[in-house]
Amino acid sequence: MTDNKPAQKWTVLGQDPDILMAALANILSWLVSTFAPSLLPYLLPTSPEEERFDGNNRCIGTDQTKCISIGRPGGMEQLRFVTLREGICTIGYNVRHVSPPPYTPPNISLPCDCVIIRNKAFSVNYADCTIRWGLYESAKKFVGWPIVPGFDVAGTVESVPDDSDASDRHKLAVGDRVFGCTLFGAYSDRILIPNIQLRKIPDCIDTFAKAAAFPAVSLTALYALHLAGYFPLCSGGGSRYTFRNKSILIHSAAGGVGSFLVQMSKIMGLFVVGVVGSSSKVDDALSLGCDIVIDKSKEDLWLSAEKASPNGYSTIMDANGVSTLNDSYNHLSPSGRLVVFGFHSNLPMGSAMLSPLEWLRMARKVAVMPKFDAMDLTVSNKAVLGFNLSFFADEVELLSEMFDQILLWIEENKLKCPRVCEMPMENVAEAHTFIQSGKSSGKIVLTTTSA
């Protein structure tokens, strides 16, 4: 009889060996950066897909793919701006049947359901920092090292297959302005990507940078609301399910995912209480549609939350992690749902490098993470749900339907672009530093050299 049990992952002293290796690599980067910065170049692995340079340090080819490659876990020094050999572009892990990520072979023959886009802009997410640290599970599991991070793309179609399916409703033509998601590989100016993961940019979005601010965070927001029971919509346009309590609390309401959670929640007829971390973000949250904004830098978060909705919340959207999860759960109303899609407070904010002290702090936070008892969930009539869209490679149809809904809302002017902080691709380290600081609002978008 065949044993279908999943293989048990081996550990070292009870710990995931990948995490231990990431810790050692980050600590080595910190030590070298702090005490022997001249040795940092020795910590930068290269790959055979990278172009070699002549004696004048000039690239031999001309119109070749430029990307940001990360060769191993570490600090900002790992964000290498590289030129790939002629005919090579980046690729996501869900197109592994074409080529293993992160790079294609030279001059690859396109499958009938894929295109190559000339990428003009890509967004930066906090997940990209955790990828660089070696702590992002799907990146470790499906790509490894080297990796080209990033999910959001916006650009023009450069190449299409000769044998494309004429009946494919997602069929694209050379020159089409498109935006969408790739499962890693977006930090690049040329990407191979399935048609179904792209949509034509509507006329109401006037720049590639704005287009790149939409896909990953809006899909995350809509799937979170799906888990909460508010999507799909009924034929009348409102939520299919009518909960007596219509209050939703959204942490980081002025951030990337939060800005779309606020707007979509208003579309679904909810009473939105948004939480922000500084006074500078209050106006942004209000402009997005929050009915009440709690500035936790000036007021007690949970006292204000109780005042805003004395009977608790039907849904709380929480990507903070250890700092708020337990209190979020306690402030759910009966039948309430806590939707978790990140753990930002478990990770360092404002630290370019993960020193030994940072790793000890993270270990302490993991040790005190709340654990939810199944019996308590039952008798309190509450639910805790979590997800990460980077694992959804097999759910392309589900995400495609959600992308269609998002596109419709954009065209109907029901979803607006959050504030965009635009930088050139070469400033990737500055972008990572900014998003790690916790001071960014809206989306950080980098434009490529082909823009």
Foldseek 3Di string as FASTA:
>chain_A
DDDPDDDDQDADVPHRVLLVQLVVLQQVQVCCVVPPVVCLVVSEDDDPQFFDADPVRDGPDDPFKWFFKAFGAYFPSRRDTTTGPAQKAAAFLLVVVQPQDGMHPHVGQDDQFKFKFQFFKAFDDLVVNCVNSSNNVLCCVRHNGTFGAGWKTWGFTQGHHPDHDPPDPLDDDGGFTKIFTGLGRRRMRMYMDGSLRIDGDDPVDPDRQLRNLPYPLLLVLVVLVVVLQQPDPDPVQAGPDDDPAQEEEEELLQESNNLNNQLVSVSNPGQYEYEAAAPVCVVLNVVSPHPHYHHVVVDPVLVVVCVVPVQAHQEYEDAQFLVPPVVNQVRHHALHEYEYEHHLNLAAFLDRTCHPVRVVSSVVSVVRTDDDDPVCCVVSNYYYHYDYCSPVSVVSVVSSVSVVVVSVCVVVVSDDRRDEAEEASVCVSVVNSVVSNSPDGRIYMHTYPVD
